[in-house]
Amino acid sequence: MILPIVNYGHPVLRQKGARVEAVTDEIRRLVADMLETMRAAHGVGLAAQQVARALQLTVVDVRGAEDRPSTMEIDGKGVIPERHMPLVLINPEVAPYGEAVAGGEGCLSFPEIYGEIVRPEGVTVRALNELGQPIEFKSGGLLARAVLHEYDHLQGILFIDRMSRETKESIREEIEALHAATKAQLKRSEPAGKAMPSGAQ
């Protein structure tokens, strides 16, 4: 099932995800729905917060991004990343390494908004997969960038928080317009009698 993706301005995007204590049928169903949602939106990653679930759960799939290569190592050996996609990362732990490199990023919760972000060139990841099994790998290139972007989501951190002041200023109007539109939509969807008090933010 394709789930609605929440946009910037929705409070769930600023929530740190709760640890997944057990990989239940409900979690596996959410994983399947997130993968379907990510593919439909032509994304390379999707965090649970982006479908309004504040959990330590994200999915990543860099297949199709041929213009931005990825590297991947498992047990110290280089592997072809595409053969290990999609990745399901539950309760991930990450250890970035290497030089800081700039690269363009977008985000499904920020439609049509892009910016240069500086991130470490590689990352080591430990997590559980959709079967509850431990996985561990090292990655570089687009895969590392996607993992770090999605890991940030799980902590309530957004890619605009990683932008330089100059980059953020260059897209400030688009960001503010998206935030205002999301807030207006949320207000319209509030049940009667649940309106925010005057002066509330």
N, C-alpha and C. Protein backbone atom coordinates (compact mmCIF):
# COMPACT_ATOMS: atom_id res chain seq x y z
N MET A 1 0.83 -1.19 0.00
CA MET A 1 0.00 0.00 0.00
C MET A 1 0.88 1.25 0.00
N ILE A 2 0.56 2.17 -0.89
CA ILE A 2 1.31 3.42 -0.93
C ILE A 2 0.80 4.34 0.18
N LEU A 3 1.72 4.79 1.01
CA LEU A 3 1.38 5.64 2.15
C LEU A 3 1.60 7.10 1.80
N PRO A 4 0.84 8.02 2.42
CA PRO A 4 1.11 9.44 2.20
C PRO A 4 2.44 9.85 2.84
N ILE A 5 3.23 10.62 2.11
CA ILE A 5 4.51 11.13 2.63
C ILE A 5 4.26 12.52 3.20
N VAL A 6 4.67 12.73 4.44
CA VAL A 6 4.45 14.03 5.08
C VAL A 6 5.54 15.00 4.64
N ASN A 7 5.17 16.25 4.54
CA ASN A 7 6.09 17.30 4.10
C ASN A 7 6.62 18.12 5.27
N TYR A 8 7.67 18.87 4.99
CA TYR A 8 8.28 19.76 5.98
C TYR A 8 7.21 20.66 6.59
N GLY A 9 7.23 20.72 7.90
CA GLY A 9 6.22 21.45 8.65
C GLY A 9 5.38 20.51 9.49
N HIS A 10 5.39 19.22 9.14
CA HIS A 10 4.69 18.23 9.96
C HIS A 10 5.57 17.91 11.16
N PRO A 11 5.01 17.96 12.37
CA PRO A 11 5.85 17.79 13.57
C PRO A 11 6.53 16.43 13.68
N VAL A 12 6.00 15.38 13.07
CA VAL A 12 6.62 14.06 13.20
C VAL A 12 8.03 14.03 12.61
N LEU A 13 8.32 14.92 11.66
CA LEU A 13 9.65 14.93 11.06
C LEU A 13 10.73 15.39 12.04
N ARG A 14 10.32 16.01 13.12
CA ARG A 14 11.28 16.47 14.14
C ARG A 14 11.33 15.53 15.34
N GLN A 15 10.66 14.39 15.25
CA GLN A 15 10.65 13.45 16.36
C GLN A 15 11.74 12.39 16.18
N LYS A 16 12.46 12.11 17.24
CA LYS A 16 13.40 10.99 17.21
C LYS A 16 12.62 9.70 17.25
N GLY A 17 12.99 8.76 16.40
CA GLY A 17 12.25 7.51 16.33
C GLY A 17 12.45 6.63 17.55
N ALA A 18 11.39 5.94 17.94
CA ALA A 18 11.47 4.98 19.03
C ALA A 18 12.13 3.69 18.53
N ARG A 19 12.87 3.05 19.38
CA ARG A 19 13.51 1.78 19.03
C ARG A 19 12.44 0.73 18.72
N VAL A 20 12.68 -0.06 17.69
CA VAL A 20 11.78 -1.17 17.36
C VAL A 20 12.17 -2.35 18.25
N GLU A 21 11.30 -2.71 19.17
CA GLU A 21 11.64 -3.74 20.15
C GLU A 21 11.47 -5.15 19.60
N ALA A 22 10.63 -5.33 18.60
CA ALA A 22 10.42 -6.65 18.01
C ALA A 22 9.99 -6.47 16.56
N VAL A 23 10.53 -7.31 15.68
CA VAL A 23 10.16 -7.23 14.26
C VAL A 23 8.91 -8.09 14.07
N THR A 24 7.77 -7.47 14.22
CA THR A 24 6.48 -8.14 14.17
C THR A 24 5.91 -8.13 12.75
N ASP A 25 4.79 -8.80 12.58
CA ASP A 25 4.09 -8.76 11.30
C ASP A 25 3.70 -7.32 10.95
N GLU A 26 3.35 -6.55 11.96
CA GLU A 26 2.98 -5.15 11.73
C GLU A 26 4.19 -4.36 11.19
N ILE A 27 5.36 -4.60 11.75
CA ILE A 27 6.57 -3.92 11.28
C ILE A 27 6.90 -4.36 9.85
N ARG A 28 6.77 -5.64 9.58
CA ARG A 28 7.06 -6.14 8.22
C ARG A 28 6.08 -5.56 7.20
N ARG A 29 4.82 -5.38 7.61
CA ARG A 29 3.84 -4.76 6.72
C ARG A 29 4.22 -3.30 6.47
N LEU A 30 4.65 -2.61 7.52
CA LEU A 30 5.08 -1.22 7.35
C LEU A 30 6.28 -1.15 6.42
N VAL A 31 7.23 -2.08 6.56
CA VAL A 31 8.40 -2.12 5.67
C VAL A 31 7.95 -2.28 4.22
N ALA A 32 7.05 -3.22 3.98
CA ALA A 32 6.57 -3.45 2.61
C ALA A 32 5.89 -2.20 2.05
N ASP A 33 5.09 -1.54 2.87
CA ASP A 33 4.41 -0.33 2.43
C ASP A 33 5.39 0.80 2.17
N MET A 34 6.43 0.90 3.01
CA MET A 34 7.44 1.94 2.81
C MET A 34 8.22 1.71 1.52
N LEU A 35 8.54 0.46 1.24
CA LEU A 35 9.26 0.16 -0.01
C LEU A 35 8.40 0.52 -1.22
N GLU A 36 7.12 0.17 -1.16
CA GLU A 36 6.22 0.50 -2.27
C GLU A 36 6.08 2.01 -2.42
N THR A 37 6.00 2.71 -1.29
CA THR A 37 5.86 4.16 -1.30
C THR A 37 7.11 4.82 -1.87
N MET A 38 8.29 4.35 -1.45
CA MET A 38 9.56 4.90 -1.94
C MET A 38 9.68 4.72 -3.45
N ARG A 39 9.34 3.53 -3.93
CA ARG A 39 9.45 3.26 -5.38
C ARG A 39 8.48 4.16 -6.16
N ALA A 40 7.27 4.30 -5.66
CA ALA A 40 6.28 5.12 -6.36
C ALA A 40 6.70 6.57 -6.44
N ALA A 41 7.46 7.02 -5.43
CA ALA A 41 7.92 8.41 -5.38
C ALA A 41 9.28 8.59 -6.04
N HIS A 42 9.85 7.49 -6.57
CA HIS A 42 11.16 7.52 -7.24
C HIS A 42 12.26 8.04 -6.31
N GLY A 43 12.20 7.60 -5.04
CA GLY A 43 13.22 7.99 -4.07
C GLY A 43 14.26 6.91 -3.91
N VAL A 44 15.37 7.26 -3.26
CA VAL A 44 16.41 6.27 -2.95
C VAL A 44 16.42 5.93 -1.46
N GLY A 45 15.56 6.57 -0.69
CA GLY A 45 15.47 6.28 0.73
C GLY A 45 14.18 6.83 1.30
N LEU A 46 13.71 6.21 2.37
CA LEU A 46 12.50 6.68 3.04
C LEU A 46 12.58 6.25 4.50
N ALA A 47 12.39 7.20 5.40
CA ALA A 47 12.39 6.92 6.83
C ALA A 47 10.97 6.85 7.36
N ALA A 48 10.79 6.12 8.46
CA ALA A 48 9.46 5.95 9.02
C ALA A 48 8.80 7.29 9.36
N GLN A 49 9.60 8.26 9.82
CA GLN A 49 9.03 9.57 10.12
C GLN A 49 8.33 10.19 8.92
N GLN A 50 8.82 9.87 7.71
CA GLN A 50 8.25 10.47 6.50
C GLN A 50 6.88 9.91 6.15
N VAL A 51 6.51 8.80 6.79
CA VAL A 51 5.15 8.28 6.65
C VAL A 51 4.43 8.34 8.00
N ALA A 52 4.86 9.32 8.81
CA ALA A 52 4.20 9.66 10.08
C ALA A 52 4.30 8.57 11.14
N ARG A 53 5.41 7.82 11.12
CA ARG A 53 5.66 6.82 12.16
C ARG A 53 7.05 7.10 12.75
N ALA A 54 7.10 7.52 13.99
CA ALA A 54 8.39 7.87 14.62
C ALA A 54 9.05 6.62 15.18
N LEU A 55 9.71 5.89 14.27
CA LEU A 55 10.40 4.64 14.62
C LEU A 55 11.81 4.65 14.07
N GLN A 56 12.67 3.79 14.64
CA GLN A 56 14.03 3.63 14.13
C GLN A 56 13.98 2.61 12.98
N LEU A 57 13.47 3.06 11.86
CA LEU A 57 13.27 2.21 10.70
C LEU A 57 13.39 3.02 9.42
N THR A 58 14.22 2.55 8.50
CA THR A 58 14.34 3.21 7.21
C THR A 58 14.61 2.17 6.13
N VAL A 59 14.29 2.54 4.90
CA VAL A 59 14.56 1.69 3.75
C VAL A 59 15.38 2.49 2.74
N VAL A 60 16.26 1.80 2.03
CA VAL A 60 17.15 2.44 1.06
C VAL A 60 17.25 1.55 -0.18
N ASP A 61 17.26 2.18 -1.35
CA ASP A 61 17.45 1.44 -2.60
C ASP A 61 18.08 2.38 -3.62
N VAL A 62 19.35 2.15 -3.95
CA VAL A 62 20.07 3.03 -4.88
C VAL A 62 20.09 2.48 -6.30
N ARG A 63 19.36 1.42 -6.56
CA ARG A 63 19.29 0.92 -7.94
C ARG A 63 18.65 1.99 -8.83
N GLY A 64 19.19 2.12 -10.01
CA GLY A 64 18.65 3.09 -10.94
C GLY A 64 19.38 4.42 -10.92
N ALA A 65 20.20 4.64 -9.90
CA ALA A 65 20.97 5.89 -9.82
C ALA A 65 22.34 5.66 -10.45
N GLU A 66 22.34 5.38 -11.75
CA GLU A 66 23.57 5.00 -12.44
C GLU A 66 24.57 6.15 -12.56
N ASP A 67 24.07 7.38 -12.50
CA ASP A 67 24.96 8.53 -12.63
C ASP A 67 25.67 8.86 -11.32
N ARG A 68 25.28 8.20 -10.22
CA ARG A 68 25.90 8.44 -8.92
C ARG A 68 26.24 7.09 -8.30
N PRO A 69 27.45 6.59 -8.56
CA PRO A 69 27.80 5.23 -8.13
C PRO A 69 27.91 5.08 -6.62
N SER A 70 27.78 3.84 -6.20
CA SER A 70 27.90 3.47 -4.79
C SER A 70 28.93 2.37 -4.64
N THR A 71 29.50 2.26 -3.45
CA THR A 71 30.35 1.12 -3.11
C THR A 71 29.80 0.47 -1.85
N MET A 72 30.10 -0.84 -1.71
CA MET A 72 29.60 -1.58 -0.55
C MET A 72 30.56 -2.70 -0.23
N GLU A 73 30.83 -2.89 1.07
CA GLU A 73 31.67 -3.99 1.54
C GLU A 73 30.92 -4.76 2.61
N ILE A 74 31.00 -6.08 2.50
CA ILE A 74 30.44 -6.96 3.53
C ILE A 74 31.53 -7.94 3.93
N ASP A 75 31.80 -8.02 5.23
CA ASP A 75 32.88 -8.88 5.74
C ASP A 75 34.22 -8.56 5.08
N GLY A 76 34.45 -7.27 4.83
CA GLY A 76 35.72 -6.83 4.28
C GLY A 76 35.90 -7.04 2.80
N LYS A 77 34.88 -7.53 2.13
CA LYS A 77 34.96 -7.79 0.70
C LYS A 77 34.01 -6.89 -0.07
N GLY A 78 34.50 -6.33 -1.17
CA GLY A 78 33.66 -5.49 -2.00
C GLY A 78 32.57 -6.31 -2.67
N VAL A 79 31.36 -5.79 -2.68
CA VAL A 79 30.23 -6.45 -3.32
C VAL A 79 29.54 -5.46 -4.25
N ILE A 80 28.68 -5.96 -5.10
CA ILE A 80 27.90 -5.10 -5.99
C ILE A 80 26.68 -4.62 -5.23
N PRO A 81 26.58 -3.31 -4.93
CA PRO A 81 25.49 -2.82 -4.08
C PRO A 81 24.11 -3.20 -4.59
N GLU A 82 23.92 -3.15 -5.91
CA GLU A 82 22.59 -3.41 -6.47
C GLU A 82 22.05 -4.80 -6.11
N ARG A 83 22.97 -5.74 -5.86
CA ARG A 83 22.54 -7.09 -5.52
C ARG A 83 22.04 -7.21 -4.08
N HIS A 84 22.23 -6.15 -3.32
CA HIS A 84 21.81 -6.17 -1.91
C HIS A 84 20.69 -5.16 -1.64
N MET A 85 20.08 -4.69 -2.70
CA MET A 85 18.97 -3.75 -2.57
C MET A 85 17.64 -4.49 -2.71
N PRO A 86 16.59 -3.99 -2.06
CA PRO A 86 16.59 -2.84 -1.17
C PRO A 86 17.13 -3.22 0.21
N LEU A 87 17.63 -2.21 0.91
CA LEU A 87 18.09 -2.39 2.29
C LEU A 87 17.00 -1.97 3.25
N VAL A 88 16.76 -2.80 4.25
CA VAL A 88 15.87 -2.45 5.35
C VAL A 88 16.74 -2.33 6.59
N LEU A 89 16.72 -1.16 7.21
CA LEU A 89 17.58 -0.90 8.37
C LEU A 89 16.71 -0.58 9.57
N ILE A 90 16.69 -1.51 10.53
CA ILE A 90 15.93 -1.35 11.76
C ILE A 90 16.91 -1.12 12.91
N ASN A 91 16.64 -0.10 13.71
CA ASN A 91 17.53 0.29 14.82
C ASN A 91 18.98 0.46 14.35
N PRO A 92 19.22 1.19 13.27
CA PRO A 92 20.58 1.26 12.74
C PRO A 92 21.53 2.03 13.65
N GLU A 93 22.79 1.58 13.62
CA GLU A 93 23.90 2.29 14.25
C GLU A 93 24.90 2.61 13.14
N VAL A 94 25.35 3.85 13.08
CA VAL A 94 26.25 4.24 11.99
C VAL A 94 27.54 4.83 12.55
N ALA A 95 28.62 4.61 11.80
CA ALA A 95 29.93 5.17 12.16
C ALA A 95 30.53 5.77 10.88
N PRO A 96 30.36 7.08 10.69
CA PRO A 96 30.91 7.71 9.48
C PRO A 96 32.43 7.69 9.50
N TYR A 97 33.02 7.70 8.30
CA TYR A 97 34.47 7.76 8.20
C TYR A 97 34.85 8.47 6.89
N GLY A 98 36.11 8.84 6.80
CA GLY A 98 36.63 9.42 5.57
C GLY A 98 36.50 10.94 5.50
N GLU A 99 36.89 11.47 4.36
CA GLU A 99 36.86 12.90 4.14
C GLU A 99 35.42 13.40 3.99
N ALA A 100 35.23 14.66 4.31
CA ALA A 100 33.94 15.30 4.07
C ALA A 100 33.84 15.71 2.61
N VAL A 101 32.73 15.33 1.98
CA VAL A 101 32.55 15.63 0.56
C VAL A 101 31.17 16.26 0.36
N ALA A 102 31.10 17.18 -0.60
CA ALA A 102 29.83 17.84 -0.92
C ALA A 102 29.11 17.06 -2.00
N GLY A 103 27.80 17.06 -1.92
CA GLY A 103 26.99 16.40 -2.94
C GLY A 103 25.58 16.92 -2.91
N GLY A 104 24.93 16.87 -4.06
CA GLY A 104 23.55 17.33 -4.14
C GLY A 104 22.60 16.34 -3.49
N GLU A 105 21.60 16.88 -2.78
CA GLU A 105 20.59 16.03 -2.14
C GLU A 105 19.21 16.64 -2.32
N GLY A 106 18.24 15.75 -2.41
CA GLY A 106 16.84 16.13 -2.33
C GLY A 106 16.21 15.32 -1.21
N CYS A 107 14.92 15.49 -1.01
CA CYS A 107 14.23 14.76 0.06
C CYS A 107 12.76 14.67 -0.32
N LEU A 108 12.19 13.48 -0.15
CA LEU A 108 10.78 13.29 -0.52
C LEU A 108 9.84 14.14 0.32
N SER A 109 10.29 14.60 1.48
CA SER A 109 9.47 15.49 2.31
C SER A 109 9.67 16.96 1.97
N PHE A 110 10.52 17.22 0.97
CA PHE A 110 10.78 18.58 0.47
C PHE A 110 10.67 18.54 -1.06
N PRO A 111 9.48 18.35 -1.62
CA PRO A 111 9.34 18.19 -3.07
C PRO A 111 9.98 19.33 -3.86
N GLU A 112 10.77 18.95 -4.84
CA GLU A 112 11.40 19.90 -5.78
C GLU A 112 12.38 20.86 -5.12
N ILE A 113 12.86 20.54 -3.92
CA ILE A 113 13.85 21.37 -3.24
C ILE A 113 15.15 20.57 -3.13
N TYR A 114 16.24 21.18 -3.56
CA TYR A 114 17.54 20.50 -3.59
C TYR A 114 18.62 21.42 -3.05
N GLY A 115 19.71 20.82 -2.57
CA GLY A 115 20.82 21.63 -2.08
C GLY A 115 22.07 20.80 -1.91
N GLU A 116 23.20 21.49 -1.87
CA GLU A 116 24.48 20.82 -1.63
C GLU A 116 24.64 20.57 -0.13
N ILE A 117 25.03 19.34 0.20
CA ILE A 117 25.23 18.95 1.59
C ILE A 117 26.61 18.32 1.72
N VAL A 118 27.33 18.68 2.77
CA VAL A 118 28.64 18.08 3.04
C VAL A 118 28.46 16.95 4.05
N ARG A 119 28.90 15.77 3.67
CA ARG A 119 28.82 14.60 4.56
C ARG A 119 30.11 13.79 4.44
N PRO A 120 30.38 12.93 5.44
CA PRO A 120 31.52 12.02 5.32
C PRO A 120 31.36 11.11 4.10
N GLU A 121 32.48 10.72 3.51
CA GLU A 121 32.41 9.95 2.26
C GLU A 121 31.99 8.51 2.45
N GLY A 122 32.09 8.00 3.68
CA GLY A 122 31.73 6.60 3.90
C GLY A 122 31.08 6.40 5.26
N VAL A 123 30.45 5.24 5.43
CA VAL A 123 29.80 4.94 6.70
C VAL A 123 29.75 3.42 6.90
N THR A 124 29.99 3.01 8.14
CA THR A 124 29.78 1.62 8.53
C THR A 124 28.43 1.53 9.22
N VAL A 125 27.66 0.52 8.86
CA VAL A 125 26.29 0.40 9.35
C VAL A 125 26.08 -0.95 10.02
N ARG A 126 25.43 -0.93 11.17
CA ARG A 126 24.96 -2.15 11.82
C ARG A 126 23.47 -1.96 12.07
N ALA A 127 22.68 -2.97 11.74
CA ALA A 127 21.23 -2.85 11.89
C ALA A 127 20.61 -4.24 11.87
N LEU A 128 19.29 -4.27 12.01
CA LEU A 128 18.52 -5.48 11.78
C LEU A 128 17.79 -5.34 10.45
N ASN A 129 17.59 -6.46 9.74
CA ASN A 129 16.80 -6.40 8.52
C ASN A 129 15.34 -6.74 8.82
N GLU A 130 14.54 -6.88 7.78
CA GLU A 130 13.10 -7.10 7.97
C GLU A 130 12.79 -8.46 8.58
N LEU A 131 13.78 -9.35 8.63
CA LEU A 131 13.60 -10.64 9.28
C LEU A 131 14.08 -10.63 10.73
N GLY A 132 14.57 -9.47 11.16
CA GLY A 132 15.11 -9.36 12.52
C GLY A 132 16.52 -9.87 12.63
N GLN A 133 17.18 -10.10 11.48
CA GLN A 133 18.55 -10.61 11.47
C GLN A 133 19.55 -9.46 11.45
N PRO A 134 20.68 -9.60 12.16
CA PRO A 134 21.69 -8.54 12.14
C PRO A 134 22.40 -8.47 10.80
N ILE A 135 22.63 -7.26 10.33
CA ILE A 135 23.42 -7.04 9.12
C ILE A 135 24.46 -5.97 9.42
N GLU A 136 25.57 -6.03 8.69
CA GLU A 136 26.64 -5.04 8.87
C GLU A 136 27.33 -4.85 7.53
N PHE A 137 27.60 -3.61 7.17
CA PHE A 137 28.27 -3.32 5.91
C PHE A 137 28.92 -1.95 5.96
N LYS A 138 29.86 -1.74 5.04
CA LYS A 138 30.45 -0.43 4.83
C LYS A 138 29.99 0.07 3.47
N SER A 139 29.82 1.36 3.34
CA SER A 139 29.36 1.89 2.07
C SER A 139 30.01 3.24 1.78
N GLY A 140 30.05 3.54 0.50
CA GLY A 140 30.56 4.83 0.05
C GLY A 140 29.71 5.32 -1.11
N GLY A 141 30.01 6.51 -1.59
CA GLY A 141 29.26 7.07 -2.71
C GLY A 141 27.84 7.40 -2.33
N LEU A 142 26.93 7.23 -3.29
CA LEU A 142 25.52 7.58 -3.05
C LEU A 142 24.91 6.77 -1.93
N LEU A 143 25.28 5.49 -1.81
CA LEU A 143 24.70 4.66 -0.76
C LEU A 143 25.03 5.22 0.62
N ALA A 144 26.28 5.63 0.83
CA ALA A 144 26.65 6.22 2.12
C ALA A 144 25.86 7.49 2.37
N ARG A 145 25.72 8.33 1.35
CA ARG A 145 24.98 9.59 1.50
C ARG A 145 23.52 9.32 1.82
N ALA A 146 22.93 8.33 1.13
CA ALA A 146 21.53 8.01 1.39
C ALA A 146 21.33 7.47 2.81
N VAL A 147 22.24 6.59 3.25
CA VAL A 147 22.13 6.05 4.61
C VAL A 147 22.23 7.16 5.65
N LEU A 148 23.19 8.05 5.47
CA LEU A 148 23.36 9.14 6.43
C LEU A 148 22.16 10.09 6.43
N HIS A 149 21.63 10.37 5.25
CA HIS A 149 20.43 11.21 5.13
C HIS A 149 19.27 10.58 5.89
N GLU A 150 19.04 9.28 5.67
CA GLU A 150 17.92 8.61 6.32
C GLU A 150 18.17 8.44 7.82
N TYR A 151 19.40 8.17 8.21
CA TYR A 151 19.71 8.07 9.64
C TYR A 151 19.40 9.39 10.34
N ASP A 152 19.71 10.50 9.68
CA ASP A 152 19.35 11.80 10.25
C ASP A 152 17.85 11.89 10.51
N HIS A 153 17.05 11.44 9.54
CA HIS A 153 15.60 11.47 9.73
C HIS A 153 15.19 10.75 11.00
N LEU A 154 15.85 9.64 11.30
CA LEU A 154 15.49 8.85 12.47
C LEU A 154 15.80 9.58 13.77
N GLN A 155 16.67 10.59 13.67
CA GLN A 155 17.01 11.41 14.85
C GLN A 155 16.24 12.73 14.87
N GLY A 156 15.36 12.92 13.90
CA GLY A 156 14.62 14.18 13.82
C GLY A 156 15.41 15.30 13.17
N ILE A 157 16.47 14.95 12.45
CA ILE A 157 17.33 15.93 11.77
C ILE A 157 16.98 15.93 10.28
N LEU A 158 16.85 17.11 9.70
CA LEU A 158 16.49 17.24 8.29
C LEU A 158 17.66 17.75 7.48
N PHE A 159 17.63 17.50 6.17
CA PHE A 159 18.80 17.87 5.36
C PHE A 159 19.03 19.37 5.30
N ILE A 160 17.99 20.16 5.53
CA ILE A 160 18.21 21.61 5.58
C ILE A 160 19.07 22.00 6.78
N ASP A 161 19.07 21.16 7.83
CA ASP A 161 19.92 21.43 9.00
C ASP A 161 21.39 21.25 8.66
N ARG A 162 21.70 20.50 7.62
CA ARG A 162 23.08 20.24 7.22
C ARG A 162 23.58 21.22 6.15
N MET A 163 22.69 22.06 5.65
CA MET A 163 23.08 22.99 4.59
C MET A 163 23.90 24.15 5.13
N SER A 164 24.78 24.68 4.30
CA SER A 164 25.48 25.90 4.66
C SER A 164 24.47 27.05 4.71
N ARG A 165 24.84 28.10 5.38
CA ARG A 165 23.95 29.26 5.48
C ARG A 165 23.62 29.80 4.09
N GLU A 166 24.62 29.81 3.21
CA GLU A 166 24.41 30.35 1.86
C GLU A 166 23.44 29.48 1.06
N THR A 167 23.61 28.17 1.15
CA THR A 167 22.72 27.26 0.43
C THR A 167 21.29 27.40 0.94
N LYS A 168 21.15 27.42 2.25
CA LYS A 168 19.80 27.51 2.82
C LYS A 168 19.15 28.84 2.46
N GLU A 169 19.93 29.90 2.45
CA GLU A 169 19.37 31.22 2.10
C GLU A 169 18.89 31.23 0.65
N SER A 170 19.60 30.51 -0.23
CA SER A 170 19.24 30.52 -1.65
C SER A 170 17.90 29.85 -1.92
N ILE A 171 17.43 28.98 -1.01
CA ILE A 171 16.15 28.31 -1.18
C ILE A 171 15.18 28.65 -0.05
N ARG A 172 15.47 29.72 0.66
CA ARG A 172 14.66 30.08 1.84
C ARG A 172 13.19 30.26 1.49
N GLU A 173 12.90 30.93 0.39
CA GLU A 173 11.50 31.19 0.03
C GLU A 173 10.74 29.89 -0.21
N GLU A 174 11.38 28.93 -0.92
CA GLU A 174 10.73 27.65 -1.18
C GLU A 174 10.48 26.88 0.11
N ILE A 175 11.48 26.91 1.02
CA ILE A 175 11.34 26.21 2.29
C ILE A 175 10.20 26.80 3.11
N GLU A 176 10.16 28.13 3.20
CA GLU A 176 9.13 28.79 3.99
C GLU A 176 7.74 28.55 3.40
N ALA A 177 7.65 28.54 2.07
CA ALA A 177 6.36 28.31 1.42
C ALA A 177 5.86 26.89 1.70
N LEU A 178 6.76 25.92 1.63
CA LEU A 178 6.38 24.53 1.92
C LEU A 178 5.93 24.38 3.36
N HIS A 179 6.67 24.98 4.28
CA HIS A 179 6.33 24.91 5.70
C HIS A 179 4.94 25.51 5.95
N ALA A 180 4.67 26.66 5.36
CA ALA A 180 3.38 27.31 5.54
C ALA A 180 2.25 26.48 4.95
N ALA A 181 2.48 25.89 3.78
CA ALA A 181 1.44 25.08 3.15
C ALA A 181 1.13 23.84 3.98
N THR A 182 2.17 23.23 4.55
CA THR A 182 1.96 22.04 5.38
C THR A 182 1.19 22.40 6.64
N LYS A 183 1.57 23.50 7.28
CA LYS A 183 0.86 23.92 8.49
C LYS A 183 -0.60 24.23 8.19
N ALA A 184 -0.85 24.86 7.06
CA ALA A 184 -2.23 25.18 6.69
C ALA A 184 -3.04 23.90 6.44
N GLN A 185 -2.42 22.93 5.81
CA GLN A 185 -3.09 21.65 5.56
C GLN A 185 -3.40 20.94 6.87
N LEU A 186 -2.45 20.94 7.79
CA LEU A 186 -2.67 20.31 9.09
C LEU A 186 -3.80 20.99 9.85
N LYS A 187 -3.86 22.30 9.76
CA LYS A 187 -4.92 23.03 10.46
C LYS A 187 -6.29 22.70 9.88
N ARG A 188 -6.34 22.57 8.53
CA ARG A 188 -7.62 22.24 7.89
C ARG A 188 -8.10 20.84 8.27
N SER A 189 -7.14 19.94 8.55
CA SER A 189 -7.50 18.56 8.85
C SER A 189 -7.78 18.31 10.33
N GLU A 190 -7.62 19.36 11.16
CA GLU A 190 -7.88 19.20 12.59
C GLU A 190 -9.36 18.96 12.83
N PRO A 191 -9.71 18.04 13.75
CA PRO A 191 -11.12 17.84 14.09
C PRO A 191 -11.72 19.10 14.69
N ALA A 192 -13.01 19.26 14.53
CA ALA A 192 -13.70 20.42 15.12
C ALA A 192 -13.49 20.44 16.62
N GLY A 193 -13.20 21.61 17.13
CA GLY A 193 -12.98 21.74 18.57
C GLY A 193 -11.56 21.49 18.99
N LYS A 194 -10.67 21.13 18.02
CA LYS A 194 -9.28 20.84 18.33
C LYS A 194 -8.37 21.93 17.82
N ALA A 195 -8.89 23.07 17.49
CA ALA A 195 -8.08 24.16 16.94
C ALA A 195 -7.02 24.57 17.94
N MET A 196 -5.87 24.98 17.42
CA MET A 196 -4.79 25.43 18.29
C MET A 196 -5.18 26.72 18.99
N PRO A 197 -4.78 26.90 20.23
CA PRO A 197 -5.09 28.15 20.92
C PRO A 197 -4.42 29.33 20.24
N SER A 198 -5.01 30.47 20.41
CA SER A 198 -4.48 31.68 19.81
C SER A 198 -3.03 31.91 20.24
N GLY A 199 -2.16 32.19 19.27
CA GLY A 199 -0.76 32.44 19.57
C GLY A 199 0.10 31.21 19.59
N ALA A 200 -0.51 30.02 19.45
CA ALA A 200 0.29 28.78 19.46
C ALA A 200 1.09 28.66 18.18
N GLN A 201 2.26 28.03 18.28
CA GLN A 201 3.12 27.85 17.10
C GLN A 201 3.06 26.41 16.66
